[in-house]
C-alpha atoms as a PDB file:
ATOM      1  CA  MET A   1      28.354  43.956  -7.528  1.00  0.00           C
ATOM      2  CA  GLU A   2      25.314  41.801  -8.191  1.00  0.00           C
ATOM      3  CA  TYR A   3      24.612  38.431  -6.640  1.00  0.00           C
ATOM      4  CA  ALA A   4      22.393  35.563  -7.754  1.00  0.00           C
ATOM      5  CA  ASP A   5      19.405  34.800  -5.528  1.00  0.00           C
ATOM      6  CA  ASN A   6      18.740  31.295  -6.913  1.00  0.00           C
ATOM      7  CA  PRO A   7      20.681  28.482  -8.602  1.00  0.00           C
ATOM      8  CA  ASP A   8      20.912  28.596 -12.421  1.00  0.00           C
ATOM      9  CA  GLN A   9      20.007  32.294 -12.417  1.00  0.00           C
ATOM     10  CA  TRP A  10      23.429  33.569 -13.435  1.00  0.00           C
ATOM     11  CA  TRP A  11      26.431  31.764 -14.920  1.00  0.00           C
ATOM     12  CA  MET A  12      29.960  33.022 -15.399  1.00  0.00           C
ATOM     13  CA  ALA A  13      32.596  31.900 -17.914  1.00  0.00           C
ATOM     14  CA  ASP A  14      36.349  31.936 -17.406  1.00  0.00           C
ATOM     15  CA  PHE A  15      39.147  31.175 -19.848  1.00  0.00           C
ATOM     16  CA  THR A  16      42.680  30.590 -18.689  1.00  0.00           C
ATOM     17  CA  ASP A  17      45.892  28.973 -19.859  1.00  0.00           C
ATOM     18  CA  VAL A  18      47.709  26.271 -17.891  1.00  0.00           C
ATOM     19  CA  TRP A  19      51.363  25.359 -18.336  1.00  0.00           C
ATOM     20  CA  THR A  20      52.014  21.636 -18.894  1.00  0.00           C
ATOM     21  CA  LEU A  21      55.099  19.681 -19.934  1.00  0.00           C
ATOM     22  CA  ALA A  22      53.705  19.677 -23.489  1.00  0.00           C
ATOM     23  CA  GLY A  23      53.199  23.476 -23.489  1.00  0.00           C
ATOM     24  CA  PHE A  24      50.246  25.726 -22.759  1.00  0.00           C
ATOM     25  CA  VAL A  25      46.716  24.299 -22.627  1.00  0.00           C
ATOM     26  CA  TYR A  26      43.694  26.604 -22.684  1.00  0.00           C
ATOM     27  CA  VAL A  27      40.915  25.703 -20.252  1.00  0.00           C
ATOM     28  CA  SER A  28      37.401  27.170 -20.039  1.00  0.00           C
ATOM     29  CA  PHE A  29      34.971  26.887 -17.125  1.00  0.00           C
ATOM     30  CA  ILE A  30      31.266  27.610 -16.703  1.00  0.00           C
ATOM     31  CA  VAL A  31      30.393  28.401 -13.062  1.00  0.00           C
ATOM     32  CA  ASP A  32      27.030  28.890 -11.341  1.00  0.00           C
ATOM     33  CA  VAL A  33      27.414  32.185  -9.439  1.00  0.00           C
ATOM     34  CA  PHE A  34      24.931  31.219  -6.692  1.00  0.00           C
ATOM     35  CA  SER A  35      26.493  27.888  -5.670  1.00  0.00           C
ATOM     36  CA  ARG A  36      29.979  28.479  -7.142  1.00  0.00           C
ATOM     37  CA  PHE A  37      29.707  25.003  -8.635  1.00  0.00           C
ATOM     38  CA  ILE A  38      31.604  24.270 -11.860  1.00  0.00           C
ATOM     39  CA  LEU A  39      28.917  23.253 -14.330  1.00  0.00           C
ATOM     40  CA  GLY A  40      31.325  22.315 -17.086  1.00  0.00           C
ATOM     41  CA  TRP A  41      34.869  22.674 -18.295  1.00  0.00           C
ATOM     42  CA  ARG A  42      36.826  21.974 -21.455  1.00  0.00           C
ATOM     43  CA  ALA A  43      40.575  21.843 -22.150  1.00  0.00           C
END
């Protein structure tokens, strides 16, 4: 497995679905691998 040595060197995207009272909502996240900080998300 590779690791990032510096911030903003490597980003990861994740897509998942979340159950709500209105039904399923799809959520995407962009994460900085070095700091594990969520850079952005959209539902």
